[in-house]
């Protein structure tokens, strides 16, 4: 009788522990899905696409970027969007139409592309050599 109760207790423990072990695997996937939804952490740990082109319009909410293939993309700026000239942080007002920039972006919660970091690219030295002599 004692053996039967010991076996019954062991079986009960295995059955009780089984769902917990199975759910621990699912829990890690859930936490990674929640992790990717956290904007601050996802931007610091995941690579984001980078777009380079010429600014065709810019204000505090939207940046229009024309890429080399003549495709114009619209990026939304948020209060977390950061602007750089090299390593130095700048204000959005320092970026003008015609400037060459690089935009690091992600999809926002509404599915629209949000600019995370915008880098002002240096003026090319070749611009001065293209002028007629």
N, C-alpha and C. Protein backbone atom coordinates (compact mmCIF):
# COMPACT_ATOMS: atom_id res chain seq x y z
N UNK A 1 0.83 -1.18 0.00
CA UNK A 1 0.00 0.00 0.00
C UNK A 1 0.87 1.25 0.00
N UNK A 2 1.96 1.18 0.77
CA UNK A 2 2.85 2.33 0.81
C UNK A 2 3.50 2.56 -0.55
N UNK A 3 3.86 1.51 -1.25
CA UNK A 3 4.44 1.63 -2.57
C UNK A 3 3.45 2.27 -3.55
N UNK A 4 2.20 1.89 -3.46
CA UNK A 4 1.17 2.44 -4.34
C UNK A 4 0.99 3.93 -4.09
N UNK A 5 1.03 4.34 -2.83
CA UNK A 5 0.85 5.77 -2.55
C UNK A 5 2.08 6.55 -2.99
N UNK A 6 3.29 5.96 -2.88
CA UNK A 6 4.50 6.63 -3.34
C UNK A 6 4.48 6.78 -4.84
N UNK A 7 4.08 5.72 -5.53
CA UNK A 7 3.99 5.79 -7.00
C UNK A 7 2.92 6.79 -7.40
N UNK A 8 1.80 6.79 -6.71
CA UNK A 8 0.71 7.72 -7.00
C UNK A 8 1.15 9.15 -6.78
N UNK A 9 1.91 9.40 -5.70
CA UNK A 9 2.41 10.73 -5.42
C UNK A 9 3.41 11.18 -6.48
N UNK A 10 4.31 10.28 -6.89
CA UNK A 10 5.30 10.59 -7.93
C UNK A 10 4.62 10.89 -9.24
N UNK A 11 3.61 10.10 -9.58
CA UNK A 11 2.86 10.32 -10.82
C UNK A 11 2.12 11.66 -10.77
N UNK A 12 1.55 11.98 -9.62
CA UNK A 12 0.85 13.25 -9.47
C UNK A 12 1.82 14.42 -9.63
N UNK A 13 3.03 14.30 -9.08
CA UNK A 13 4.02 15.36 -9.23
C UNK A 13 4.45 15.53 -10.69
N UNK A 14 4.64 14.41 -11.41
CA UNK A 14 5.02 14.49 -12.82
C UNK A 14 3.91 15.14 -13.64
N UNK A 15 2.69 14.79 -13.37
CA UNK A 15 1.57 15.38 -14.10
C UNK A 15 1.43 16.86 -13.79
N UNK A 16 1.67 17.21 -12.54
CA UNK A 16 1.57 18.63 -12.17
C UNK A 16 2.73 19.44 -12.76
N UNK A 17 3.90 18.84 -12.83
CA UNK A 17 5.07 19.55 -13.35
C UNK A 17 5.07 19.60 -14.87
N UNK A 18 4.43 18.67 -15.53
CA UNK A 18 4.41 18.59 -16.99
C UNK A 18 3.91 19.88 -17.64
N UNK A 19 2.72 20.37 -17.28
CA UNK A 19 2.26 21.62 -17.90
C UNK A 19 3.17 22.80 -17.61
N UNK A 20 3.75 22.84 -16.44
CA UNK A 20 4.65 23.95 -16.12
C UNK A 20 5.89 23.92 -17.01
N UNK A 21 6.42 22.74 -17.26
CA UNK A 21 7.60 22.61 -18.12
C UNK A 21 7.23 22.98 -19.55
N UNK A 22 6.08 22.51 -20.02
CA UNK A 22 5.65 22.83 -21.38
C UNK A 22 5.41 24.33 -21.54
N UNK A 23 4.84 24.96 -20.55
CA UNK A 23 4.54 26.37 -20.67
C UNK A 23 5.79 27.23 -20.57
N UNK A 24 6.83 26.73 -19.95
CA UNK A 24 8.03 27.55 -19.86
C UNK A 24 8.60 27.82 -21.24
N UNK A 25 8.48 26.86 -22.16
CA UNK A 25 8.94 27.07 -23.52
C UNK A 25 8.10 28.12 -24.22
N UNK A 26 6.79 28.05 -24.04
CA UNK A 26 5.91 29.03 -24.67
C UNK A 26 6.09 30.40 -24.03
N UNK A 27 6.35 30.42 -22.75
CA UNK A 27 6.53 31.69 -22.07
C UNK A 27 7.70 32.47 -22.63
N UNK A 28 8.77 31.78 -23.00
CA UNK A 28 9.92 32.50 -23.53
C UNK A 28 9.60 33.11 -24.89
N UNK A 29 8.78 32.43 -25.68
CA UNK A 29 8.39 33.03 -26.96
C UNK A 29 7.48 34.21 -26.74
N UNK A 30 6.59 34.11 -25.77
CA UNK A 30 5.71 35.24 -25.48
C UNK A 30 6.52 36.43 -25.02
N UNK A 31 7.49 36.19 -24.17
CA UNK A 31 8.26 37.32 -23.67
C UNK A 31 9.10 37.93 -24.79
N UNK A 32 9.58 37.11 -25.75
CA UNK A 32 10.33 37.70 -26.85
C UNK A 32 9.41 38.49 -27.76
N UNK A 33 8.17 38.04 -27.92
CA UNK A 33 7.22 38.81 -28.72
C UNK A 33 6.90 40.13 -28.03
N UNK A 34 6.73 40.08 -26.72
CA UNK A 34 6.48 41.31 -25.98
C UNK A 34 7.71 42.21 -26.03
N UNK A 35 8.88 41.59 -26.03
CA UNK A 35 10.12 42.36 -26.09
C UNK A 35 10.20 43.13 -27.40
N UNK A 36 9.82 42.49 -28.51
CA UNK A 36 9.92 43.19 -29.79
C UNK A 36 8.90 44.31 -29.91
N UNK A 37 7.82 44.26 -29.11
CA UNK A 37 6.84 45.33 -29.14
C UNK A 37 7.28 46.52 -28.31
N UNK A 38 8.22 46.33 -27.41
CA UNK A 38 8.72 47.43 -26.61
C UNK A 38 9.67 48.26 -27.47
N UNK A 39 9.25 49.46 -27.82
CA UNK A 39 9.98 50.28 -28.79
C UNK A 39 11.40 50.59 -28.33
N UNK A 40 11.56 50.95 -27.07
CA UNK A 40 12.89 51.35 -26.61
C UNK A 40 13.87 50.20 -26.68
N UNK A 41 13.45 49.01 -26.24
CA UNK A 41 14.37 47.88 -26.23
C UNK A 41 14.60 47.35 -27.63
N UNK A 42 13.57 47.36 -28.48
CA UNK A 42 13.74 46.79 -29.81
C UNK A 42 14.71 47.63 -30.64
N UNK A 43 14.71 48.93 -30.45
CA UNK A 43 15.61 49.76 -31.23
C UNK A 43 17.05 49.60 -30.78
N UNK A 44 17.26 49.28 -29.52
CA UNK A 44 18.63 49.19 -29.05
C UNK A 44 19.23 47.81 -29.31
N UNK A 45 18.41 46.79 -29.56
CA UNK A 45 18.94 45.44 -29.69
C UNK A 45 18.73 44.83 -31.06
N UNK A 46 17.99 45.48 -31.93
CA UNK A 46 17.74 44.93 -33.24
C UNK A 46 18.25 45.89 -34.31
N UNK A 47 18.77 45.33 -35.39
CA UNK A 47 19.20 46.16 -36.49
C UNK A 47 17.97 46.72 -37.20
N UNK A 48 18.05 47.98 -37.57
CA UNK A 48 16.94 48.62 -38.27
C UNK A 48 17.37 48.97 -39.68
N UNK A 49 16.43 48.98 -40.60
CA UNK A 49 16.79 49.35 -41.97
C UNK A 49 17.25 50.80 -42.05
N UNK A 50 18.16 51.04 -42.96
CA UNK A 50 18.76 52.36 -43.13
C UNK A 50 18.49 52.82 -44.56
N UNK A 51 17.96 54.02 -44.71
CA UNK A 51 17.61 54.58 -46.02
C UNK A 51 18.42 55.85 -46.23
N UNK A 52 19.01 56.00 -47.41
CA UNK A 52 19.81 57.17 -47.71
C UNK A 52 19.24 57.86 -48.95
N UNK A 53 19.22 59.18 -48.90
CA UNK A 53 18.72 59.93 -50.04
C UNK A 53 18.76 61.42 -49.78
N UNK A 54 18.01 62.15 -50.61
CA UNK A 54 17.97 63.61 -50.54
C UNK A 54 16.63 64.03 -49.94
N UNK A 55 16.70 64.97 -49.01
CA UNK A 55 15.50 65.47 -48.36
C UNK A 55 14.72 66.32 -49.37
N UNK A 56 13.44 66.00 -49.54
CA UNK A 56 12.57 66.77 -50.42
C UNK A 56 11.60 67.63 -49.63
N UNK A 57 11.46 67.34 -48.36
CA UNK A 57 10.62 68.13 -47.47
C UNK A 57 10.82 67.65 -46.05
N UNK A 58 10.79 68.59 -45.09
CA UNK A 58 11.01 68.21 -43.71
C UNK A 58 10.30 69.22 -42.80
N UNK A 59 9.69 68.69 -41.76
CA UNK A 59 9.18 69.52 -40.67
C UNK A 59 9.27 68.68 -39.40
N UNK A 60 8.64 69.13 -38.33
CA UNK A 60 8.78 68.42 -37.06
C UNK A 60 8.04 67.08 -37.03
N UNK A 61 7.19 66.81 -38.02
CA UNK A 61 6.41 65.57 -38.01
C UNK A 61 6.75 64.61 -39.15
N UNK A 62 7.19 65.12 -40.29
CA UNK A 62 7.39 64.28 -41.47
C UNK A 62 8.68 64.66 -42.18
N UNK A 63 9.36 63.63 -42.70
CA UNK A 63 10.53 63.82 -43.55
C UNK A 63 10.27 63.08 -44.85
N UNK A 64 10.36 63.77 -45.98
CA UNK A 64 10.23 63.16 -47.30
C UNK A 64 11.63 62.93 -47.84
N UNK A 65 11.94 61.68 -48.18
CA UNK A 65 13.28 61.30 -48.63
C UNK A 65 13.20 60.71 -50.02
N UNK A 66 13.93 61.33 -50.96
CA UNK A 66 14.00 60.79 -52.32
C UNK A 66 15.26 59.95 -52.44
N UNK A 67 15.07 58.69 -52.76
CA UNK A 67 16.20 57.78 -52.89
C UNK A 67 16.77 57.85 -54.30
N UNK A 68 17.91 57.19 -54.53
CA UNK A 68 18.60 57.23 -55.82
C UNK A 68 17.72 56.72 -56.96
N UNK A 69 16.79 55.80 -56.68
CA UNK A 69 15.91 55.26 -57.72
C UNK A 69 14.67 56.14 -57.95
N UNK A 70 14.70 57.37 -57.46
CA UNK A 70 13.61 58.35 -57.59
C UNK A 70 12.39 57.99 -56.77
N UNK A 71 12.47 56.99 -55.91
CA UNK A 71 11.39 56.62 -55.02
C UNK A 71 11.39 57.57 -53.82
N UNK A 72 10.26 58.19 -53.54
CA UNK A 72 10.16 59.10 -52.39
C UNK A 72 9.47 58.37 -51.24
N UNK A 73 10.12 58.38 -50.10
CA UNK A 73 9.58 57.73 -48.91
C UNK A 73 9.19 58.78 -47.89
N UNK A 74 8.17 58.49 -47.12
CA UNK A 74 7.70 59.40 -46.08
C UNK A 74 7.95 58.75 -44.73
N UNK A 75 8.71 59.45 -43.88
CA UNK A 75 9.01 58.98 -42.53
C UNK A 75 8.36 59.91 -41.52
N UNK A 76 7.76 59.33 -40.51
CA UNK A 76 7.15 60.12 -39.44
C UNK A 76 8.15 60.31 -38.32
N UNK A 77 8.25 61.52 -37.83
CA UNK A 77 9.13 61.83 -36.70
C UNK A 77 8.31 61.81 -35.43
N UNK A 78 8.90 61.30 -34.36
CA UNK A 78 8.26 61.30 -33.05
C UNK A 78 9.11 62.11 -32.10
N UNK A 79 8.67 62.22 -30.87
CA UNK A 79 9.47 62.95 -29.89
C UNK A 79 10.76 62.20 -29.55
N UNK A 80 10.84 60.93 -29.93
CA UNK A 80 12.04 60.14 -29.68
C UNK A 80 13.02 60.16 -30.86
N UNK A 81 12.61 60.72 -32.00
CA UNK A 81 13.50 60.80 -33.16
C UNK A 81 14.69 61.69 -32.82
N UNK A 82 15.88 61.22 -33.16
CA UNK A 82 17.10 61.97 -32.89
C UNK A 82 17.76 62.35 -34.21
N UNK A 83 18.37 63.54 -34.25
CA UNK A 83 19.00 64.08 -35.44
C UNK A 83 20.48 64.30 -35.14
N UNK A 84 21.35 63.94 -36.13
CA UNK A 84 22.78 64.02 -35.92
C UNK A 84 23.47 64.64 -37.12
N UNK A 85 24.55 65.37 -36.84
CA UNK A 85 25.51 65.81 -37.85
C UNK A 85 26.83 65.21 -37.38
N UNK A 86 27.21 64.08 -37.95
CA UNK A 86 28.34 63.30 -37.43
C UNK A 86 27.94 62.71 -36.09
N UNK A 87 28.73 62.98 -35.07
CA UNK A 87 28.43 62.51 -33.71
C UNK A 87 27.64 63.54 -32.91
N UNK A 88 27.51 64.73 -33.44
CA UNK A 88 26.87 65.84 -32.73
C UNK A 88 25.35 65.82 -32.95
N UNK A 89 24.59 65.92 -31.85
CA UNK A 89 23.14 66.01 -31.97
C UNK A 89 22.77 67.40 -32.47
N UNK A 90 21.79 67.43 -33.38
CA UNK A 90 21.30 68.69 -33.93
C UNK A 90 19.78 68.72 -33.83
N UNK A 91 19.21 69.86 -34.19
CA UNK A 91 17.75 70.01 -34.20
C UNK A 91 17.23 69.75 -35.61
N UNK A 92 15.97 69.38 -35.69
CA UNK A 92 15.36 69.11 -36.99
C UNK A 92 15.42 70.35 -37.88
N UNK A 93 15.40 71.52 -37.30
CA UNK A 93 15.44 72.75 -38.08
C UNK A 93 16.75 72.93 -38.85
N UNK A 94 17.78 72.18 -38.49
CA UNK A 94 19.06 72.28 -39.18
C UNK A 94 19.12 71.41 -40.44
N UNK A 95 18.08 70.61 -40.65
CA UNK A 95 18.00 69.78 -41.86
C UNK A 95 17.08 70.50 -42.84
N UNK A 96 17.57 70.70 -44.05
CA UNK A 96 16.84 71.46 -45.08
C UNK A 96 16.59 70.59 -46.31
N UNK A 97 15.62 70.99 -47.11
CA UNK A 97 15.38 70.33 -48.39
C UNK A 97 16.65 70.43 -49.23
N UNK A 98 17.01 69.33 -49.87
CA UNK A 98 18.23 69.28 -50.67
C UNK A 98 19.39 68.64 -49.93
N UNK A 99 19.32 68.55 -48.60
CA UNK A 99 20.38 67.89 -47.84
C UNK A 99 20.34 66.39 -48.07
N UNK A 100 21.50 65.78 -48.05
CA UNK A 100 21.60 64.31 -48.13
C UNK A 100 21.62 63.78 -46.71
N UNK A 101 20.72 62.80 -46.42
CA UNK A 101 20.62 62.23 -45.08
C UNK A 101 20.54 60.71 -45.16
N UNK A 102 20.77 60.11 -44.02
CA UNK A 102 20.58 58.68 -43.82
C UNK A 102 19.58 58.53 -42.69
N UNK A 103 18.54 57.72 -42.92
CA UNK A 103 17.46 57.56 -41.95
C UNK A 103 17.41 56.12 -41.48
N UNK A 104 17.51 55.94 -40.18
CA UNK A 104 17.32 54.63 -39.56
C UNK A 104 15.88 54.59 -39.09
N UNK A 105 15.11 53.60 -39.54
CA UNK A 105 13.67 53.62 -39.30
C UNK A 105 13.16 52.26 -38.83
N UNK A 106 11.94 52.29 -38.33
CA UNK A 106 11.22 51.08 -37.93
C UNK A 106 9.74 51.33 -38.21
N UNK A 107 8.96 50.26 -38.21
CA UNK A 107 7.52 50.41 -38.35
C UNK A 107 6.94 50.77 -36.99
N UNK A 108 6.12 51.79 -36.96
CA UNK A 108 5.46 52.19 -35.73
C UNK A 108 4.29 51.29 -35.43
N UNK A 109 3.63 51.49 -34.30
CA UNK A 109 2.49 50.65 -33.91
C UNK A 109 1.35 50.71 -34.92
N UNK A 110 1.27 51.80 -35.67
CA UNK A 110 0.21 51.94 -36.68
C UNK A 110 0.65 51.42 -38.04
N UNK A 111 1.87 50.86 -38.14
CA UNK A 111 2.37 50.31 -39.40
C UNK A 111 3.04 51.32 -40.30
N UNK A 112 3.13 52.56 -39.87
CA UNK A 112 3.78 53.60 -40.67
C UNK A 112 5.26 53.68 -40.30
N UNK A 113 6.12 54.01 -41.27
CA UNK A 113 7.56 54.08 -40.97
C UNK A 113 7.89 55.28 -40.09
N UNK A 114 8.54 55.01 -38.98
CA UNK A 114 8.97 56.05 -38.04
C UNK A 114 10.48 56.21 -38.12
N UNK A 115 10.93 57.44 -38.20
CA UNK A 115 12.36 57.72 -38.18
C UNK A 115 12.84 57.63 -36.74
N UNK A 116 13.87 56.84 -36.52
CA UNK A 116 14.46 56.71 -35.19
C UNK A 116 15.66 57.64 -35.08
N UNK A 117 16.57 57.53 -36.04
CA UNK A 117 17.77 58.37 -36.10
C UNK A 117 17.92 58.91 -37.51
N UNK A 118 18.25 60.17 -37.62
CA UNK A 118 18.48 60.80 -38.93
C UNK A 118 19.86 61.44 -38.88
N UNK A 119 20.72 61.05 -39.83
CA UNK A 119 22.08 61.58 -39.89
C UNK A 119 22.22 62.47 -41.12
N UNK A 120 22.67 63.67 -40.91
CA UNK A 120 22.99 64.58 -41.99
C UNK A 120 24.31 64.12 -42.59
N UNK A 121 24.33 63.89 -43.91
CA UNK A 121 25.53 63.41 -44.59
C UNK A 121 26.37 64.61 -45.00
N UNK A 122 27.69 64.47 -44.98
CA UNK A 122 28.55 65.59 -45.39
C UNK A 122 28.37 65.89 -46.87
N UNK A 123 28.53 67.16 -47.21
CA UNK A 123 28.47 67.57 -48.62
C UNK A 123 29.61 66.89 -49.36
N UNK A 124 29.35 66.38 -50.54
CA UNK A 124 30.37 65.68 -51.31
C UNK A 124 31.36 66.67 -51.91
N UNK A 125 32.62 66.30 -51.87
CA UNK A 125 33.67 67.18 -52.43
C UNK A 125 33.55 67.26 -53.95
N UNK A 126 32.90 66.25 -54.55
CA UNK A 126 32.79 66.23 -56.00
C UNK A 126 31.82 67.30 -56.53
N UNK A 127 31.02 67.89 -55.66
CA UNK A 127 30.08 68.91 -56.12
C UNK A 127 30.83 70.11 -56.70
N UNK A 128 31.95 70.46 -56.12
CA UNK A 128 32.72 71.59 -56.61
C UNK A 128 33.41 71.29 -57.93
N UNK A 129 33.71 70.03 -58.22
CA UNK A 129 34.42 69.67 -59.45
C UNK A 129 33.47 69.48 -60.63
N UNK A 130 32.16 69.39 -60.36
CA UNK A 130 31.20 69.21 -61.46
C UNK A 130 30.86 70.52 -62.15
N UNK A 131 31.24 71.64 -61.58
CA UNK A 131 30.90 72.95 -62.16
C UNK A 131 31.70 73.17 -63.43
N UNK A 132 31.10 73.80 -64.41
CA UNK A 132 31.86 74.08 -65.66
C UNK A 132 33.00 75.04 -65.39
N UNK A 133 34.11 74.90 -66.15
CA UNK A 133 35.29 75.72 -65.93
C UNK A 133 35.41 76.77 -66.98
